[in-house]
Each structure stands twice: as structure tokens, then as C-alpha cells.
C-alpha atoms as a PDB file:
ATOM      1  CA  MET A   1     118.036 -10.690  44.082  1.00  0.00           C
ATOM      2  CA  SER A   2     121.229 -12.788  43.557  1.00  0.00           C
ATOM      3  CA  GLU A   3     119.503 -15.168  41.022  1.00  0.00           C
ATOM      4  CA  ALA A   4     117.280 -14.505  38.008  1.00  0.00           C
ATOM      5  CA  PHE A   5     113.631 -15.297  38.707  1.00  0.00           C
ATOM      6  CA  LEU A   6     112.370 -18.164  36.611  1.00  0.00           C
ATOM      7  CA  PRO A   7     108.625 -18.502  36.538  1.00  0.00           C
ATOM      8  CA  VAL A   8     107.013 -21.930  36.742  1.00  0.00           C
ATOM      9  CA  LEU A   9     104.754 -22.497  33.712  1.00  0.00           C
ATOM     10  CA  ALA A  10     101.784 -24.850  34.163  1.00  0.00           C
ATOM     11  CA  GLY A  11     102.262 -28.074  32.297  1.00  0.00           C
ATOM     12  CA  HIS A  12     105.867 -27.404  31.145  1.00  0.00           C
ATOM     13  CA  ALA A  13     107.837 -29.928  33.155  1.00  0.00           C
ATOM     14  CA  GLU A  14     111.165 -30.631  31.607  1.00  0.00           C
ATOM     15  CA  ALA A  15     111.792 -33.910  29.688  1.00  0.00           C
ATOM     16  CA  SER A  16     108.111 -34.887  29.916  1.00  0.00           C
ATOM     17  CA  GLU A  17     104.926 -34.929  27.868  1.00  0.00           C
ATOM     18  CA  VAL A  18     102.193 -33.260  29.732  1.00  0.00           C
ATOM     19  CA  ALA A  19      98.689 -33.341  28.257  1.00  0.00           C
ATOM     20  CA  PRO A  20      97.254 -30.035  27.275  1.00  0.00           C
ATOM     21  CA  PRO A  21      94.537 -28.532  29.529  1.00  0.00           C
ATOM     22  CA  SER A  22      91.074 -29.754  28.659  1.00  0.00           C
ATOM     23  CA  THR A  23      87.639 -29.748  30.235  1.00  0.00           C
ATOM     24  CA  PRO A  24      86.888 -33.243  31.678  1.00  0.00           C
ATOM     25  CA  ARG A  25      83.736 -34.777  30.234  1.00  0.00           C
ATOM     26  CA  ASN A  26      81.762 -37.883  31.244  1.00  0.00           C
ATOM     27  CA  VAL A  27      83.624 -38.221  34.537  1.00  0.00           C
ATOM     28  CA  PRO A  28      82.588 -41.273  36.572  1.00  0.00           C
ATOM     29  CA  TYR A  29      81.752 -40.969  40.193  1.00  0.00           C
ATOM     30  CA  ARG A  30      84.258 -43.721  41.017  1.00  0.00           C
ATOM     31  CA  GLY A  31      86.619 -45.812  39.166  1.00  0.00           C
ATOM     32  CA  GLY A  32      88.318 -43.232  37.003  1.00  0.00           C
ATOM     33  CA  ALA A  33      91.957 -43.124  36.184  1.00  0.00           C
ATOM     34  CA  ALA A  34      94.177 -42.347  39.196  1.00  0.00           C
ATOM     35  CA  ASN A  35      96.808 -39.675  39.346  1.00  0.00           C
ATOM     36  CA  PRO A  36     100.139 -41.280  38.178  1.00  0.00           C
ATOM     37  CA  SER A  37     101.674 -40.173  41.394  1.00  0.00           C
ATOM     38  CA  ALA A  38      99.543 -42.720  43.290  1.00  0.00           C
ATOM     39  CA  ASP A  39     101.390 -45.675  41.780  1.00  0.00           C
ATOM     40  CA  ALA A  40     104.683 -43.830  42.303  1.00  0.00           C
ATOM     41  CA  LEU A  41     103.878 -43.336  45.972  1.00  0.00           C
ATOM     42  CA  ARG A  42     102.976 -47.070  46.370  1.00  0.00           C
ATOM     43  CA  ALA A  43     106.378 -48.083  44.692  1.00  0.00           C
ATOM     44  CA  GLN A  44     108.314 -45.592  46.918  1.00  0.00           C
ATOM     45  CA  PHE A  45     106.649 -46.043  50.376  1.00  0.00           C
ATOM     46  CA  GLY A  46     104.973 -49.460  50.273  1.00  0.00           C
ATOM     47  CA  ASP A  47     102.826 -50.232  53.291  1.00  0.00           C
ATOM     48  CA  ALA A  48     102.849 -46.517  54.303  1.00  0.00           C
ATOM     49  CA  ILE A  49     100.265 -46.037  51.501  1.00  0.00           C
ATOM     50  CA  HIS A  50      97.036 -47.475  52.949  1.00  0.00           C
ATOM     51  CA  ARG A  51      94.487 -46.739  50.272  1.00  0.00           C
ATOM     52  CA  VAL A  52      93.861 -44.933  47.026  1.00  0.00           C
ATOM     53  CA  ASP A  53      90.393 -43.512  46.096  1.00  0.00           C
ATOM     54  CA  VAL A  54      89.379 -41.855  42.827  1.00  0.00           C
ATOM     55  CA  VAL A  55      86.177 -39.809  43.164  1.00  0.00           C
ATOM     56  CA  TRP A  56      85.054 -37.473  40.421  1.00  0.00           C
ATOM     57  CA  ALA A  57      88.514 -37.829  38.841  1.00  0.00           C
ATOM     58  CA  GLU A  58      90.312 -36.542  41.928  1.00  0.00           C
ATOM     59  CA  THR A  59      92.809 -38.851  43.537  1.00  0.00           C
ATOM     60  CA  THR A  60      92.940 -39.220  47.341  1.00  0.00           C
ATOM     61  CA  VAL A  61      95.767 -41.141  48.902  1.00  0.00           C
ATOM     62  CA  TYR A  62      95.517 -42.281  52.502  1.00  0.00           C
ATOM     63  CA  VAL A  63      98.908 -42.474  54.189  1.00  0.00           C
ATOM     64  CA  ASP A  64     100.511 -43.443  57.429  1.00  0.00           C
ATOM     65  CA  ARG A  65     100.465 -40.628  59.902  1.00  0.00           C
ATOM     66  CA  ALA A  66     104.094 -41.111  60.994  1.00  0.00           C
ATOM     67  CA  ARG A  67     105.425 -40.766  57.450  1.00  0.00           C
ATOM     68  CA  VAL A  68     103.343 -37.753  56.344  1.00  0.00           C
ATOM     69  CA  ALA A  69     106.371 -35.339  56.328  1.00  0.00           C
ATOM     70  CA  GLU A  70     108.553 -37.758  54.526  1.00  0.00           C
ATOM     71  CA  ILE A  71     105.928 -38.472  51.777  1.00  0.00           C
ATOM     72  CA  VAL A  72     105.258 -34.718  51.306  1.00  0.00           C
ATOM     73  CA  ARG A  73     108.902 -33.989  51.106  1.00  0.00           C
ATOM     74  CA  TRP A  74     109.390 -36.692  48.346  1.00  0.00           C
ATOM     75  CA  LEU A  75     106.365 -35.417  46.414  1.00  0.00           C
ATOM     76  CA  HIS A  76     107.898 -31.885  46.513  1.00  0.00           C
ATOM     77  CA  ASP A  77     111.552 -32.835  45.753  1.00  0.00           C
ATOM     78  CA  ASP A  78     111.315 -35.715  43.320  1.00  0.00           C
ATOM     79  CA  PRO A  79     111.868 -34.429  39.705  1.00  0.00           C
ATOM     80  CA  GLN A  80     109.137 -36.735  38.428  1.00  0.00           C
ATOM     81  CA  GLN A  81     106.525 -35.292  40.909  1.00  0.00           C
ATOM     82  CA  ARG A  82     107.304 -31.719  41.802  1.00  0.00           C
ATOM     83  CA  TYR A  83     104.350 -30.881  43.914  1.00  0.00           C
ATOM     84  CA  ASP A  84     105.478 -27.279  44.520  1.00  0.00           C
ATOM     85  CA  TYR A  85     102.315 -25.888  45.854  1.00  0.00           C
ATOM     86  CA  CYS A  86     100.323 -26.790  48.994  1.00  0.00           C
ATOM     87  CA  SER A  87      96.971 -25.091  48.468  1.00  0.00           C
ATOM     88  CA  ASP A  88      95.221 -26.125  51.660  1.00  0.00           C
ATOM     89  CA  ILE A  89      95.510 -28.082  54.919  1.00  0.00           C
ATOM     90  CA  THR A  90      92.360 -28.872  56.749  1.00  0.00           C
ATOM     91  CA  ALA A  91      90.519 -31.617  58.608  1.00  0.00           C
ATOM     92  CA  VAL A  92      87.199 -33.462  58.539  1.00  0.00           C
ATOM     93  CA  GLU A  93      85.248 -34.705  61.540  1.00  0.00           C
ATOM     94  CA  PHE A  94      82.145 -36.917  60.955  1.00  0.00           C
ATOM     95  CA  ARG A  95      78.982 -37.043  63.080  1.00  0.00           C
ATOM     96  CA  ASP A  96      79.656 -40.764  63.594  1.00  0.00           C
ATOM     97  CA  LEU A  97      81.709 -40.754  66.862  1.00  0.00           C
ATOM     98  CA  ASP A  98      83.434 -43.991  65.887  1.00  0.00           C
ATOM     99  CA  ARG A  99      84.953 -42.613  62.703  1.00  0.00           C
ATOM    100  CA  PRO A 100      88.397 -41.042  63.009  1.00  0.00           C
ATOM    101  CA  ILE A 101      89.204 -37.488  62.201  1.00  0.00           C
ATOM    102  CA  GLU A 102      90.710 -37.018  58.730  1.00  0.00           C
ATOM    103  CA  VAL A 103      93.558 -34.542  58.279  1.00  0.00           C
ATOM    104  CA  VAL A 104      93.809 -33.424  54.667  1.00  0.00           C
ATOM    105  CA  TRP A 105      96.591 -31.905  52.571  1.00  0.00           C
ATOM    106  CA  HIS A 106      95.855 -30.571  49.041  1.00  0.00           C
ATOM    107  CA  LEU A 107      98.962 -30.572  46.856  1.00  0.00           C
ATOM    108  CA  ARG A 108      99.444 -29.377  43.311  1.00  0.00           C
ATOM    109  CA  SER A 109     102.207 -30.006  40.812  1.00  0.00           C
ATOM    110  CA  ILE A 110     102.154 -26.954  38.578  1.00  0.00           C
ATOM    111  CA  PRO A 111     104.858 -28.283  36.120  1.00  0.00           C
ATOM    112  CA  PHE A 112     103.000 -31.563  35.594  1.00  0.00           C
ATOM    113  CA  ARG A 113      99.488 -30.035  36.042  1.00  0.00           C
ATOM    114  CA  ARG A 114      98.472 -32.568  38.617  1.00  0.00           C
ATOM    115  CA  PHE A 115      96.439 -32.466  41.866  1.00  0.00           C
ATOM    116  CA  ILE A 116      96.612 -35.002  44.720  1.00  0.00           C
ATOM    117  CA  ARG A 117      94.887 -35.140  48.091  1.00  0.00           C
ATOM    118  CA  LEU A 118      96.609 -36.780  51.000  1.00  0.00           C
ATOM    119  CA  LYS A 119      94.755 -37.914  54.060  1.00  0.00           C
ATOM    120  CA  THR A 120      95.663 -39.494  57.336  1.00  0.00           C
ATOM    121  CA  LEU A 121      93.348 -40.840  60.069  1.00  0.00           C
ATOM    122  CA  LEU A 122      93.376 -39.788  63.695  1.00  0.00           C
ATOM    123  CA  PRO A 123      91.330 -42.232  65.795  1.00  0.00           C
ATOM    124  CA  LYS A 124      89.116 -40.674  68.533  1.00  0.00           C
ATOM    125  CA  GLY A 125      90.603 -40.871  72.023  1.00  0.00           C
ATOM    126  CA  GLN A 126      94.262 -40.660  70.729  1.00  0.00           C
ATOM    127  CA  PRO A 127      96.403 -37.622  70.627  1.00  0.00           C
ATOM    128  CA  LEU A 128      95.469 -35.414  67.653  1.00  0.00           C
ATOM    129  CA  VAL A 129      99.025 -34.893  66.390  1.00  0.00           C
ATOM    130  CA  VAL A 130     100.563 -35.119  62.899  1.00  0.00           C
ATOM    131  CA  PRO A 131     103.892 -34.010  61.522  1.00  0.00           C
ATOM    132  CA  SER A 132     104.172 -30.387  60.266  1.00  0.00           C
ATOM    133  CA  VAL A 133     105.041 -29.740  56.630  1.00  0.00           C
ATOM    134  CA  TYR A 134     106.179 -26.288  57.337  1.00  0.00           C
ATOM    135  CA  ASP A 135     109.808 -27.209  56.436  1.00  0.00           C
ATOM    136  CA  VAL A 136     108.644 -28.168  52.928  1.00  0.00           C
ATOM    137  CA  TYR A 137     105.958 -25.477  52.372  1.00  0.00           C
ATOM    138  CA  ARG A 138     106.495 -22.116  54.167  1.00  0.00           C
ATOM    139  CA  GLY A 139     102.914 -21.462  53.131  1.00  0.00           C
ATOM    140  CA  ALA A 140     101.724 -24.168  55.412  1.00  0.00           C
ATOM    141  CA  ASP A 141     102.375 -21.872  58.418  1.00  0.00           C
ATOM    142  CA  TRP A 142      98.949 -20.233  58.722  1.00  0.00           C
ATOM    143  CA  LEU A 143      97.178 -23.284  57.253  1.00  0.00           C
ATOM    144  CA  GLU A 144      98.423 -25.477  60.137  1.00  0.00           C
ATOM    145  CA  ARG A 145      97.652 -22.784  62.705  1.00  0.00           C
ATOM    146  CA  GLU A 146      94.172 -22.458  61.372  1.00  0.00           C
ATOM    147  CA  CYS A 147      93.660 -26.170  61.495  1.00  0.00           C
ATOM    148  CA  TYR A 148      94.953 -26.295  65.087  1.00  0.00           C
ATOM    149  CA  ASP A 149      92.691 -23.336  66.042  1.00  0.00           C
ATOM    150  CA  MET A 150      89.523 -24.800  64.570  1.00  0.00           C
ATOM    151  CA  PHE A 151      90.067 -28.564  65.241  1.00  0.00           C
ATOM    152  CA  GLY A 152      92.661 -28.889  67.980  1.00  0.00           C
ATOM    153  CA  ILE A 153      95.066 -30.849  65.783  1.00  0.00           C
ATOM    154  CA  ARG A 154      98.731 -30.219  66.727  1.00  0.00           C
ATOM    155  CA  PHE A 155     101.290 -30.150  63.994  1.00  0.00           C
ATOM    156  CA  ASP A 156     104.558 -31.502  65.448  1.00  0.00           C
ATOM    157  CA  GLY A 157     107.524 -29.399  64.365  1.00  0.00           C
ATOM    158  CA  HIS A 158     105.625 -26.239  63.584  1.00  0.00           C
ATOM    159  CA  PRO A 159     107.788 -23.279  64.752  1.00  0.00           C
ATOM    160  CA  ASP A 160     104.944 -21.072  66.133  1.00  0.00           C
ATOM    161  CA  LEU A 161     101.806 -23.228  66.579  1.00  0.00           C
ATOM    162  CA  ARG A 162      99.228 -20.920  68.206  1.00  0.00           C
ATOM    163  CA  ARG A 163      95.689 -19.804  67.477  1.00  0.00           C
ATOM    164  CA  LEU A 164      95.090 -17.762  64.351  1.00  0.00           C
ATOM    165  CA  LEU A 165      91.426 -16.843  64.116  1.00  0.00           C
ATOM    166  CA  MET A 166      90.564 -16.910  67.806  1.00  0.00           C
ATOM    167  CA  TRP A 167      92.567 -15.018  70.407  1.00  0.00           C
ATOM    168  CA  GLU A 168      95.229 -16.915  72.185  1.00  0.00           C
ATOM    169  CA  GLN A 169      93.404 -17.012  75.608  1.00  0.00           C
ATOM    170  CA  TYR A 170      90.207 -18.429  73.985  1.00  0.00           C
ATOM    171  CA  LYS A 171      88.862 -20.986  76.391  1.00  0.00           C
ATOM    172  CA  GLU A 172      85.826 -22.454  74.739  1.00  0.00           C
ATOM    173  CA  GLY A 173      87.663 -25.218  72.735  1.00  0.00           C
ATOM    174  CA  PHE A 174      87.831 -25.768  68.925  1.00  0.00           C
ATOM    175  CA  PRO A 175      84.857 -24.281  67.000  1.00  0.00           C
ATOM    176  CA  LEU A 176      84.789 -26.749  64.184  1.00  0.00           C
ATOM    177  CA  ARG A 177      84.657 -29.909  66.282  1.00  0.00           C
ATOM    178  CA  LYS A 178      81.316 -31.663  66.194  1.00  0.00           C
ATOM    179  CA  ASP A 179      80.973 -31.479  70.029  1.00  0.00           C
ATOM    180  CA  PHE A 180      81.202 -27.615  69.955  1.00  0.00           C
ATOM    181  CA  PRO A 181      77.865 -26.011  70.922  1.00  0.00           C
ATOM    182  CA  LEU A 182      76.449 -23.700  68.334  1.00  0.00           C
ATOM    183  CA  ARG A 183      76.292 -20.778  70.766  1.00  0.00           C
ATOM    184  CA  GLY A 184      79.684 -21.628  72.342  1.00  0.00           C
ATOM    185  CA  ARG A 185      80.314 -23.029  75.828  1.00  0.00           C
ATOM    186  CA  PHE A 186      79.952 -19.677  77.688  1.00  0.00           C
ATOM    187  CA  SER A 187      77.151 -17.154  77.901  1.00  0.00           C
ATOM    188  CA  ARG A 188      77.262 -14.127  75.626  1.00  0.00           C
ATOM    189  CA  SER A 189      77.988 -11.920  78.621  1.00  0.00           C
ATOM    190  CA  GLU A 190      80.872 -14.043  79.714  1.00  0.00           C
ATOM    191  CA  GLN A 191      82.181 -14.126  76.071  1.00  0.00           C
ATOM    192  CA  LEU A 192      82.024 -10.267  75.941  1.00  0.00           C
ATOM    193  CA  ARG A 193      83.754 -10.011  79.356  1.00  0.00           C
ATOM    194  CA  GLN A 194      86.648 -12.245  78.140  1.00  0.00           C
ATOM    195  CA  ILE A 195      86.994 -10.271  74.930  1.00  0.00           C
ATOM    196  CA  LEU A 196      87.046  -6.829  76.668  1.00  0.00           C
ATOM    197  CA  SER A 197      89.627  -8.091  79.206  1.00  0.00           C
ATOM    198  CA  GLN A 198      92.170  -8.839  76.481  1.00  0.00           C
ATOM    199  CA  ASN A 199      95.265  -6.652  75.966  1.00  0.00           C
ATOM    200  CA  PRO A 200      95.603  -6.313  72.109  1.00  0.00           C
ATOM    201  CA  GLU A 201      99.196  -5.112  72.418  1.00  0.00           C
ATOM    202  CA  ALA A 202     100.132  -8.536  73.716  1.00  0.00           C
ATOM    203  CA  LYS A 203      98.837 -10.221  70.574  1.00  0.00           C
ATOM    204  CA  TYR A 204     100.728  -8.348  67.800  1.00  0.00           C
ATOM    205  CA  SER A 205     104.263  -8.104  66.529  1.00  0.00           C
ATOM    206  CA  MET A 206     106.165  -4.870  66.798  1.00  0.00           C
ATOM    207  CA  GLU A 207     105.687  -4.347  62.997  1.00  0.00           C
ATOM    208  CA  GLU A 208     101.874  -4.719  63.367  1.00  0.00           C
ATOM    209  CA  LEU A 209     101.906  -2.348  66.351  1.00  0.00           C
ATOM    210  CA  SER A 210     103.875   0.252  64.298  1.00  0.00           C
ATOM    211  CA  VAL A 211     101.127   0.202  61.736  1.00  0.00           C
ATOM    212  CA  LEU A 212      98.587   0.942  64.516  1.00  0.00           C
ATOM    213  CA  GLU A 213     100.733   3.700  65.751  1.00  0.00           C
ATOM    214  CA  ALA A 214     100.898   5.212  62.305  1.00  0.00           C
ATOM    215  CA  PHE A 215      97.084   5.186  62.054  1.00  0.00           C
ATOM    216  CA  ASP A 216      96.864   6.999  65.382  1.00  0.00           C
ATOM    217  CA  GLU A 217      99.104   9.764  63.963  1.00  0.00           C
ATOM    218  CA  LEU A 218      96.753  10.414  61.045  1.00  0.00           C
ATOM    219  CA  SER A 219      94.335  13.415  61.115  1.00  0.00           C
ATOM    220  CA  ILE A 220      90.662  12.822  61.873  1.00  0.00           C
ATOM    221  CA  GLU A 221      89.875  13.545  58.280  1.00  0.00           C
ATOM    222  CA  GLN A 222      92.338  10.986  56.933  1.00  0.00           C
ATOM    223  CA  ARG A 223      91.030   8.305  59.374  1.00  0.00           C
ATOM    224  CA  ALA A 224      87.482   8.955  58.204  1.00  0.00           C
ATOM    225  CA  ARG A 225      88.613   8.638  54.510  1.00  0.00           C
ATOM    226  CA  LEU A 226      90.400   5.321  55.283  1.00  0.00           C
ATOM    227  CA  ARG A 227      87.296   3.890  56.942  1.00  0.00           C
ATOM    228  CA  THR A 228      85.357   4.506  53.687  1.00  0.00           C
ATOM    229  CA  GLY A 229      87.930   2.516  51.736  1.00  0.00           C
ATOM    230  CA  GLU A 230      89.519   5.617  50.096  1.00  0.00           C
ATOM    231  CA  LYS A 231      93.431   5.423  49.834  1.00  0.00           C
ATOM    232  CA  VAL A 232      95.310   8.163  51.635  1.00  0.00           C
ATOM    233  CA  GLY A 233      98.521   9.779  50.354  1.00  0.00           C
ATOM    234  CA  GLU A 234      98.440   8.405  46.716  1.00  0.00           C
END
């Protein structure tokens, strides 16, 4: 490494006073104190901040879809915010068909010991597309792929947006959407036929395939030991 590694200590932001960790007590369902970053977002982005909710002491900020990447970048880079960890990206679809789909980002500022939830709304009948935050958080790679795989939401700017949990030729749709049948869209026999017709070598990188080849070179005894969870060669 060319530079010394400096760990980020929770609650140790420079030139700031961060309250020590404590267990919240008597937290109201609504109406509690908002995360200070909510007011900072309003001051910085104005009308792009649509609404701020505080539920069980957690702050949710509804933002303009077109400015998601800009807002996330500012929260990450601004020295008074420093949201350096994206812990999750997901979506919510309600049974009420008139309610829009919500795309959700969970961000944490380790130096300031803060948590904020960003949401943007995708009306039904319109393209399910939001900006990718991969350029800000490399860890968003698989999070965005999973959200696309399960909900069909496309992340514009993602370098490799493809299915993650289901195979790439999966044709039944998006399993976490409310219109997805519990048993899938195809019969069990058709599902099995599609699975068996796949070529696994077309789905993995050369590095992953080299691991498979290494496994094939092990003795039968070593393979059996690996399947039981025992480590081989240590």
C-alpha cells in the first residue's frame, strides 16, 4: 500500500462534538428530532427535498429522482456530513396499485454516528429507472443488481446491471413485485427444463471457473471432506 491505512472511528469526526453512544429511551412514534442532515439537505438542494419524516427516531428524506446521485454524492463528500457507508439499497411496492414504488437508500455516517434513509418515488406506468450511486459507493454494485433482479428497477449508470440471484435468462419477471404469482409464472416442469438447459460456464468469470477446475482436481476423499465443511490443506 502506498499510503498508511487510517481507520474511521465511530463518532470521532474532526472539529465536531459528537454525542457519545447511548440507548434511546421513550422514543415517540412520530415527531422526534430529525437527523441534522435533513435541514442541511433542504438548505443545499431546496425543492429537490420533497418531504422529511421522522418515525421511531429514524429520519427519512424523500428526494427528487433526477437528483439522487447528486444528493448522495454531496452527503458522501461534504466534510460536515461524511456518509461513508451505504448499508442497503432496496425497494418497496405496496398492495395499493395507485401508490408509487419507493426506492430506498440506507446511508450511515460513521464519523458523525448518524443514519439517514433516502427515498424516491416511481409512479406506476412510468419507466422504473433511477440514477446509480455506484460511482460514490463501490459497495452499491451488488445492491443495485439485486434490486434490479427482484423488482425490475434499472439503475442508470451502473457498469454491469444484470441479474444477481436469478440466472440471466430467467423469464418469469421480478419475484418481489406484487403481481408475481407465488408459484411463478411457469409450471414446475417448465421451470426445471429451463434450469437444466442452462450452460453454467456462460455465467461465471474466468476466476470463478478456475476455482471450479481446482475443485475437479481434488481427490474424491478431499471433495467429500469439503462437502462436510472440513477445511482441506490447512
